[in-house]
Amino acid sequence: MAHAIAELKARKYFPDPQDPLSVRSYNAQMKKLKADPHYEKSADTATDVYLDYLKSIS
């Protein structure tokens, strides 16, 4: 679950010119992930930290 959230956030921050992720698509996918019974708020926080790390090394 956390991997999917992290990937989605990274795709939003580091867009692929060949496959852009629209805001609408991002929001829909995030909503779907948050509706999953395995979703935990801590995964969202952890993926924010991971995204900050990715930003720092790019």
PDB file of N, CA and C in Angstrom:
ATOM      1  N   MET A   1       0.823  -1.180   0.000  1.00  0.00           N
ATOM      2  CA  MET A   1       0.000   0.000   0.000  1.00  0.00           C
ATOM      3  C   MET A   1       0.876   1.256   0.000  1.00  0.00           C
ATOM      4  N   ALA A   2       1.841   1.317   0.895  1.00  0.00           N
ATOM      5  CA  ALA A   2       2.713   2.493   0.969  1.00  0.00           C
ATOM      6  C   ALA A   2       3.494   2.670  -0.323  1.00  0.00           C
ATOM      7  N   HIS A   3       3.890   1.558  -0.939  1.00  0.00           N
ATOM      8  CA  HIS A   3       4.627   1.646  -2.204  1.00  0.00           C
ATOM      9  C   HIS A   3       3.767   2.322  -3.271  1.00  0.00           C
ATOM     10  N   ALA A   4       2.511   1.958  -3.366  1.00  0.00           N
ATOM     11  CA  ALA A   4       1.615   2.534  -4.371  1.00  0.00           C
ATOM     12  C   ALA A   4       1.399   4.030  -4.116  1.00  0.00           C
ATOM     13  N   ILE A   5       1.275   4.400  -2.846  1.00  0.00           N
ATOM     14  CA  ILE A   5       1.101   5.812  -2.505  1.00  0.00           C
ATOM     15  C   ILE A   5       2.364   6.598  -2.852  1.00  0.00           C
ATOM     16  N   ALA A   6       3.519   6.050  -2.503  1.00  0.00           N
ATOM     17  CA  ALA A   6       4.786   6.722  -2.791  1.00  0.00           C
ATOM     18  C   ALA A   6       4.988   6.881  -4.291  1.00  0.00           C
ATOM     19  N   GLU A   7       4.672   5.856  -5.044  1.00  0.00           N
ATOM     20  CA  GLU A   7       4.819   5.932  -6.498  1.00  0.00           C
ATOM     21  C   GLU A   7       3.905   7.010  -7.075  1.00  0.00           C
ATOM     22  N   LEU A   8       2.686   7.067  -6.595  1.00  0.00           N
ATOM     23  CA  LEU A   8       1.740   8.065  -7.082  1.00  0.00           C
ATOM     24  C   LEU A   8       2.230   9.478  -6.768  1.00  0.00           C
ATOM     25  N   LYS A   9       2.699   9.702  -5.558  1.00  0.00           N
ATOM     26  CA  LYS A   9       3.204  11.018  -5.173  1.00  0.00           C
ATOM     27  C   LYS A   9       4.440  11.397  -5.993  1.00  0.00           C
ATOM     28  N   ALA A  10       5.303  10.435  -6.224  1.00  0.00           N
ATOM     29  CA  ALA A  10       6.507  10.697  -7.017  1.00  0.00           C
ATOM     30  C   ALA A  10       6.137  11.026  -8.463  1.00  0.00           C
ATOM     31  N   ARG A  11       5.162  10.307  -9.014  1.00  0.00           N
ATOM     32  CA  ARG A  11       4.715  10.595 -10.384  1.00  0.00           C
ATOM     33  C   ARG A  11       4.111  11.987 -10.487  1.00  0.00           C
ATOM     34  N   LYS A  12       3.478  12.436  -9.428  1.00  0.00           N
ATOM     35  CA  LYS A  12       2.907  13.783  -9.432  1.00  0.00           C
ATOM     36  C   LYS A  12       4.019  14.829  -9.374  1.00  0.00           C
ATOM     37  N   TYR A  13       5.003  14.619  -8.498  1.00  0.00           N
ATOM     38  CA  TYR A  13       6.072  15.604  -8.328  1.00  0.00           C
ATOM     39  C   TYR A  13       7.079  15.583  -9.473  1.00  0.00           C
ATOM     40  N   PHE A  14       7.380  14.389  -9.991  1.00  0.00           N
ATOM     41  CA  PHE A  14       8.327  14.226 -11.094  1.00  0.00           C
ATOM     42  C   PHE A  14       7.558  13.729 -12.324  1.00  0.00           C
ATOM     43  N   PRO A  15       6.846  14.619 -13.008  1.00  0.00           N
ATOM     44  CA  PRO A  15       5.991  14.173 -14.114  1.00  0.00           C
ATOM     45  C   PRO A  15       6.788  13.604 -15.291  1.00  0.00           C
ATOM     46  N   ASP A  16       6.225  12.594 -15.903  1.00  0.00           N
ATOM     47  CA  ASP A  16       6.787  11.983 -17.103  1.00  0.00           C
ATOM     48  C   ASP A  16       6.158  12.681 -18.310  1.00  0.00           C
ATOM     49  N   PRO A  17       6.951  13.355 -19.133  1.00  0.00           N
ATOM     50  CA  PRO A  17       6.384  14.071 -20.274  1.00  0.00           C
ATOM     51  C   PRO A  17       5.602  13.142 -21.230  1.00  0.00           C
ATOM     52  N   GLN A  18       5.983  11.879 -21.270  1.00  0.00           N
ATOM     53  CA  GLN A  18       5.305  10.925 -22.146  1.00  0.00           C
ATOM     54  C   GLN A  18       4.001  10.407 -21.548  1.00  0.00           C
ATOM     55  N   ASP A  19       3.858  10.499 -20.234  1.00  0.00           N
ATOM     56  CA  ASP A  19       2.671   9.984 -19.547  1.00  0.00           C
ATOM     57  C   ASP A  19       2.326  10.893 -18.365  1.00  0.00           C
ATOM     58  N   PRO A  20       1.852  12.121 -18.664  1.00  0.00           N
ATOM     59  CA  PRO A  20       1.567  13.054 -17.567  1.00  0.00           C
ATOM     60  C   PRO A  20       0.404  12.584 -16.698  1.00  0.00           C
ATOM     61  N   LEU A  21       0.481  12.929 -15.439  1.00  0.00           N
ATOM     62  CA  LEU A  21      -0.549  12.573 -14.462  1.00  0.00           C
ATOM     63  C   LEU A  21      -1.340  13.841 -14.149  1.00  0.00           C
ATOM     64  N   SER A  22      -2.585  13.881 -14.573  1.00  0.00           N
ATOM     65  CA  SER A  22      -3.411  15.064 -14.323  1.00  0.00           C
ATOM     66  C   SER A  22      -3.791  15.125 -12.843  1.00  0.00           C
ATOM     67  N   VAL A  23      -4.167  16.307 -12.413  1.00  0.00           N
ATOM     68  CA  VAL A  23      -4.600  16.494 -11.023  1.00  0.00           C
ATOM     69  C   VAL A  23      -5.823  15.628 -10.759  1.00  0.00           C
ATOM     70  N   ARG A  24      -6.720  15.579 -11.707  1.00  0.00           N
ATOM     71  CA  ARG A  24      -7.937  14.771 -11.547  1.00  0.00           C
ATOM     72  C   ARG A  24      -7.600  13.292 -11.393  1.00  0.00           C
ATOM     73  N   SER A  25      -6.689  12.812 -12.216  1.00  0.00           N
ATOM     74  CA  SER A  25      -6.278  11.412 -12.153  1.00  0.00           C
ATOM     75  C   SER A  25      -5.571  11.116 -10.831  1.00  0.00           C
ATOM     76  N   TYR A  26      -4.689  12.019 -10.407  1.00  0.00           N
ATOM     77  CA  TYR A  26      -3.987  11.845  -9.131  1.00  0.00           C
ATOM     78  C   TYR A  26      -4.995  11.751  -7.987  1.00  0.00           C
ATOM     79  N   ASN A  27      -5.930  12.701  -7.949  1.00  0.00           N
ATOM     80  CA  ASN A  27      -6.916  12.720  -6.872  1.00  0.00           C
ATOM     81  C   ASN A  27      -7.785  11.466  -6.872  1.00  0.00           C
ATOM     82  N   ALA A  28      -8.174  11.001  -8.052  1.00  0.00           N
ATOM     83  CA  ALA A  28      -9.002   9.795  -8.144  1.00  0.00           C
ATOM     84  C   ALA A  28      -8.237   8.568  -7.658  1.00  0.00           C
ATOM     85  N   GLN A  29      -6.979   8.456  -8.059  1.00  0.00           N
ATOM     86  CA  GLN A  29      -6.171   7.312  -7.645  1.00  0.00           C
ATOM     87  C   GLN A  29      -5.891   7.354  -6.136  1.00  0.00           C
ATOM     88  N   MET A  30      -5.625   8.549  -5.612  1.00  0.00           N
ATOM     89  CA  MET A  30      -5.363   8.678  -4.182  1.00  0.00           C
ATOM     90  C   MET A  30      -6.622   8.340  -3.379  1.00  0.00           C
ATOM     91  N   LYS A  31      -7.764   8.787  -3.861  1.00  0.00           N
ATOM     92  CA  LYS A  31      -9.027   8.489  -3.185  1.00  0.00           C
ATOM     93  C   LYS A  31      -9.260   6.980  -3.143  1.00  0.00           C
ATOM     94  N   LYS A  32      -8.948   6.314  -4.247  1.00  0.00           N
ATOM     95  CA  LYS A  32      -9.109   4.858  -4.313  1.00  0.00           C
ATOM     96  C   LYS A  32      -8.171   4.161  -3.320  1.00  0.00           C
ATOM     97  N   LEU A  33      -6.944   4.626  -3.237  1.00  0.00           N
ATOM     98  CA  LEU A  33      -5.985   4.031  -2.304  1.00  0.00           C
ATOM     99  C   LEU A  33      -6.419   4.251  -0.854  1.00  0.00           C
ATOM    100  N   LYS A  34      -6.919   5.435  -0.557  1.00  0.00           N
ATOM    101  CA  LYS A  34      -7.341   5.735   0.819  1.00  0.00           C
ATOM    102  C   LYS A  34      -8.600   4.964   1.209  1.00  0.00           C
ATOM    103  N   ALA A  35      -9.381   4.532   0.226  1.00  0.00           N
ATOM    104  CA  ALA A  35     -10.590   3.753   0.503  1.00  0.00           C
ATOM    105  C   ALA A  35     -10.275   2.281   0.758  1.00  0.00           C
ATOM    106  N   ASP A  36      -9.069   1.851   0.433  1.00  0.00           N
ATOM    107  CA  ASP A  36      -8.660   0.464   0.627  1.00  0.00           C
ATOM    108  C   ASP A  36      -8.643   0.139   2.123  1.00  0.00           C
ATOM    109  N   PRO A  37      -9.139  -1.021   2.514  1.00  0.00           N
ATOM    110  CA  PRO A  37      -9.153  -1.373   3.944  1.00  0.00           C
ATOM    111  C   PRO A  37      -7.755  -1.482   4.561  1.00  0.00           C
ATOM    112  N   HIS A  38      -6.729  -1.652   3.745  1.00  0.00           N
ATOM    113  CA  HIS A  38      -5.365  -1.760   4.265  1.00  0.00           C
ATOM    114  C   HIS A  38      -4.676  -0.399   4.420  1.00  0.00           C
ATOM    115  N   TYR A  39      -5.345   0.663   4.007  1.00  0.00           N
ATOM    116  CA  TYR A  39      -4.767   1.998   4.112  1.00  0.00           C
ATOM    117  C   TYR A  39      -4.638   2.408   5.575  1.00  0.00           C
ATOM    118  N   GLU A  40      -3.493   2.994   5.892  1.00  0.00           N
ATOM    119  CA  GLU A  40      -3.254   3.560   7.216  1.00  0.00           C
ATOM    120  C   GLU A  40      -2.668   4.949   7.043  1.00  0.00           C
ATOM    121  N   LYS A  41      -3.101   5.876   7.864  1.00  0.00           N
ATOM    122  CA  LYS A  41      -2.629   7.263   7.789  1.00  0.00           C
ATOM    123  C   LYS A  41      -1.105   7.332   7.919  1.00  0.00           C
ATOM    124  N   SER A  42      -0.526   6.429   8.668  1.00  0.00           N
ATOM    125  CA  SER A  42       0.933   6.434   8.840  1.00  0.00           C
ATOM    126  C   SER A  42       1.661   6.204   7.517  1.00  0.00           C
ATOM    127  N   ALA A  43       1.032   5.468   6.611  1.00  0.00           N
ATOM    128  CA  ALA A  43       1.646   5.245   5.289  1.00  0.00           C
ATOM    129  C   ALA A  43       1.712   6.555   4.520  1.00  0.00           C
ATOM    130  N   ASP A  44       0.699   7.388   4.675  1.00  0.00           N
ATOM    131  CA  ASP A  44       0.682   8.684   4.005  1.00  0.00           C
ATOM    132  C   ASP A  44       1.808   9.564   4.531  1.00  0.00           C
ATOM    133  N   THR A  45       1.995   9.557   5.835  1.00  0.00           N
ATOM    134  CA  THR A  45       3.065  10.343   6.450  1.00  0.00           C
ATOM    135  C   THR A  45       4.437   9.823   6.027  1.00  0.00           C
ATOM    136  N   ALA A  46       4.606   8.527   6.042  1.00  0.00           N
ATOM    137  CA  ALA A  46       5.891   7.926   5.646  1.00  0.00           C
ATOM    138  C   ALA A  46       6.222   8.233   4.188  1.00  0.00           C
ATOM    139  N   THR A  47       5.223   8.222   3.337  1.00  0.00           N
ATOM    140  CA  THR A  47       5.487   8.501   1.927  1.00  0.00           C
ATOM    141  C   THR A  47       5.799   9.972   1.699  1.00  0.00           C
ATOM    142  N   ASP A  48       5.283  10.858   2.549  1.00  0.00           N
ATOM    143  CA  ASP A  48       5.668  12.272   2.471  1.00  0.00           C
ATOM    144  C   ASP A  48       7.152  12.430   2.798  1.00  0.00           C
ATOM    145  N   VAL A  49       7.608  11.725   3.810  1.00  0.00           N
ATOM    146  CA  VAL A  49       9.030  11.760   4.182  1.00  0.00           C
ATOM    147  C   VAL A  49       9.876  11.215   3.040  1.00  0.00           C
ATOM    148  N   TYR A  50       9.436  10.128   2.435  1.00  0.00           N
ATOM    149  CA  TYR A  50      10.170   9.541   1.310  1.00  0.00           C
ATOM    150  C   TYR A  50      10.219  10.503   0.124  1.00  0.00           C
ATOM    151  N   LEU A  51       9.109  11.163  -0.170  1.00  0.00           N
ATOM    152  CA  LEU A  51       9.087  12.122  -1.270  1.00  0.00           C
ATOM    153  C   LEU A  51      10.042  13.281  -0.983  1.00  0.00           C
ATOM    154  N   ASP A  52      10.093  13.739   0.254  1.00  0.00           N
ATOM    155  CA  ASP A  52      11.049  14.789   0.627  1.00  0.00           C
ATOM    156  C   ASP A  52      12.480  14.329   0.373  1.00  0.00           C
ATOM    157  N   TYR A  53      12.753  13.070   0.670  1.00  0.00           N
ATOM    158  CA  TYR A  53      14.087  12.508   0.409  1.00  0.00           C
ATOM    159  C   TYR A  53      14.376  12.520  -1.093  1.00  0.00           C
ATOM    160  N   LEU A  54      13.414  12.075  -1.887  1.00  0.00           N
ATOM    161  CA  LEU A  54      13.600  12.060  -3.340  1.00  0.00           C
ATOM    162  C   LEU A  54      13.860  13.465  -3.875  1.00  0.00           C
ATOM    163  N   LYS A  55      13.142  14.437  -3.356  1.00  0.00           N
ATOM    164  CA  LYS A  55      13.345  15.819  -3.772  1.00  0.00           C
ATOM    165  C   LYS A  55      14.758  16.291  -3.429  1.00  0.00           C
ATOM    166  N   SER A  56      15.251  15.873  -2.263  1.00  0.00           N
ATOM    167  CA  SER A  56      16.571  16.332  -1.815  1.00  0.00           C
ATOM    168  C   SER A  56      17.718  15.758  -2.646  1.00  0.00           C
ATOM    169  N   ILE A  57      17.512  14.603  -3.246  1.00  0.00           N
ATOM    170  CA  ILE A  57      18.599  14.003  -4.024  1.00  0.00           C
ATOM    171  C   ILE A  57      18.465  14.262  -5.521  1.00  0.00           C
ATOM    172  N   SER A  58      17.404  14.930  -5.915  1.00  0.00           N
ATOM    173  CA  SER A  58      17.239  15.174  -7.357  1.00  0.00           C
ATOM    174  C   SER A  58      17.802  16.504  -7.769  1.00  0.00           C
TER     175      SER A  58
END
